[in-house]
Protein backbone atom coordinates (compact mmCIF):
# COMPACT_ATOMS: atom_id res chain seq x y z
CA MET A 1 -4.77 -9.64 12.38
CA ASN A 2 -5.48 -5.93 12.28
CA LEU A 3 -6.76 -5.49 8.73
CA ASN A 4 -7.83 -1.87 8.98
CA ARG A 5 -7.54 0.50 6.06
CA GLY A 6 -4.22 2.31 6.54
CA SER A 7 -2.50 -0.58 8.31
CA ILE A 8 1.02 -1.35 7.11
CA TYR A 9 2.17 -4.95 6.67
CA TRP A 10 5.32 -6.56 5.40
CA VAL A 11 4.07 -8.39 2.31
CA ASN A 12 5.78 -11.07 0.23
CA LEU A 13 5.20 -9.74 -3.30
CA ASP A 14 7.11 -12.53 -5.07
CA PRO A 15 6.69 -14.03 -7.57
CA THR A 16 6.36 -11.04 -9.86
CA GLN A 17 6.65 -10.36 -13.56
CA GLY A 18 8.28 -7.54 -15.47
CA PRO A 19 8.58 -4.21 -13.65
CA GLU A 20 6.28 -5.15 -10.75
CA ILE A 21 7.65 -4.28 -7.31
CA ARG A 22 9.16 -7.42 -5.85
CA LYS A 23 10.57 -8.88 -2.61
CA ILE A 24 9.12 -8.62 0.87
CA ARG A 25 8.11 -4.98 1.23
CA PRO A 26 5.99 -2.86 3.50
CA CYS A 27 2.58 -2.22 1.96
CA VAL A 28 -0.38 -0.17 3.10
CA LEU A 29 -3.87 -1.67 3.04
CA VAL A 30 -6.13 0.59 0.99
CA GLY A 31 -9.29 -1.51 0.81
CA ALA A 32 -12.25 -0.84 3.09
CA THR A 33 -11.81 -2.42 6.53
CA PRO A 34 -15.00 -4.55 6.36
CA VAL A 35 -13.93 -5.91 2.96
CA ASN A 36 -10.40 -6.61 4.26
CA LYS A 37 -11.88 -8.69 7.07
CA ALA A 38 -14.48 -10.51 4.93
CA ARG A 39 -12.39 -11.50 1.90
CA ARG A 40 -9.37 -13.80 1.56
CA THR A 41 -7.55 -11.02 -0.30
CA VAL A 42 -6.59 -7.43 0.48
CA VAL A 43 -5.79 -4.48 -1.77
CA VAL A 44 -2.37 -2.95 -1.04
CA ILE A 45 0.00 -0.27 -2.24
CA PRO A 46 3.73 -0.99 -1.85
CA LEU A 47 5.94 1.45 0.03
CA SER A 48 9.46 2.23 -1.09
CA SER A 49 12.37 3.96 0.60
CA GLY A 50 13.90 4.92 -2.75
CA GLY A 51 12.82 7.27 -5.47
CA LYS A 52 11.27 10.70 -5.45
CA PRO A 53 7.66 11.73 -4.94
CA ARG A 54 5.90 12.11 -8.29
CA PRO A 55 2.21 12.60 -7.52
CA PRO A 56 -0.11 11.01 -8.33
CA LEU A 57 2.05 7.95 -9.13
CA ALA A 58 4.37 8.14 -6.13
CA ILE A 59 3.17 9.87 -2.96
CA ALA A 60 5.42 10.98 -0.10
CA VAL A 61 4.34 9.47 3.25
CA PHE A 62 5.86 8.94 6.69
CA ALA A 63 5.91 5.22 7.46
CA LEU A 64 7.85 2.99 9.83
CA GLY A 65 9.68 5.96 11.32
CA LYS A 66 11.00 7.39 8.06
CA SER A 67 10.07 9.13 4.83
CA SER A 68 8.76 6.71 2.25
CA ILE A 69 7.04 6.65 -1.11
CA ALA A 70 3.64 5.03 -1.65
CA VAL A 71 3.84 3.68 -5.20
CA CYS A 72 0.18 4.18 -6.16
CA ASP A 73 0.48 2.90 -9.72
CA GLN A 74 1.58 -0.50 -8.32
CA ILE A 75 -1.74 -1.11 -6.51
CA ARG A 76 -2.49 -4.82 -6.30
CA THR A 77 -4.66 -7.43 -4.67
CA VAL A 78 -2.84 -10.10 -2.67
CA ASP A 79 -3.90 -13.20 -0.79
CA LYS A 80 -3.76 -12.74 2.99
CA SER A 81 -1.19 -15.55 3.15
CA ARG A 82 1.29 -13.04 1.65
CA LEU A 83 0.98 -10.82 4.76
CA VAL A 84 4.14 -11.59 6.72
CA LYS A 85 3.96 -9.26 9.72
CA GLU A 86 2.07 -6.16 10.82
CA ALA A 87 4.37 -3.14 10.90
CA GLY A 88 2.29 -0.08 11.83
CA GLU A 89 -0.17 2.29 10.24
CA LEU A 90 -0.27 5.49 8.20
CA SER A 91 -1.64 8.76 9.50
CA ASP A 92 -5.01 10.00 8.30
CA GLU A 93 -3.21 12.80 6.46
CA ASP A 94 -0.99 10.35 4.56
CA MET A 95 -4.00 8.16 3.71
CA LYS A 96 -5.79 11.22 2.33
CA ARG A 97 -2.83 11.95 0.02
CA ILE A 98 -2.85 8.34 -1.18
CA GLU A 99 -6.61 8.49 -1.77
CA ASP A 100 -6.17 11.66 -3.83
CA GLY A 101 -3.45 9.97 -5.88
CA LEU A 102 -5.57 6.88 -6.48
CA LYS A 103 -8.51 9.00 -7.60
CA LYS A 104 -6.32 10.63 -10.26
CA ILE A 105 -4.72 7.37 -11.41
CA LEU A 106 -8.06 5.58 -11.62
CA MET A 107 -9.89 8.65 -12.96
CA LEU A 108 -12.45 8.63 -10.14
CA PRO A 109 -14.47 11.73 -9.22
């Protein structure tokens, strides 16, 4: 498994509760690569093909050959068993936009 930061995987997000993003969806790994490889869990942000960019909550990215939205306020930790299939990776530029969004959402310097 390629568990590098910025890798995109199809992830089974079910079961969920309330307004959490559900189904099998593409997600980008946002945790540090060494942590992704060492732990049994990974930190992901779901990608969506619907909706409009609303930074910092929803960031426009180009993923899987099309325009997508990284839903930064739906960041979550998932067990690696939820990773269904590797699908690609985000560009450094898109990862930078996601990082900027996460910093604002999490109030990091």
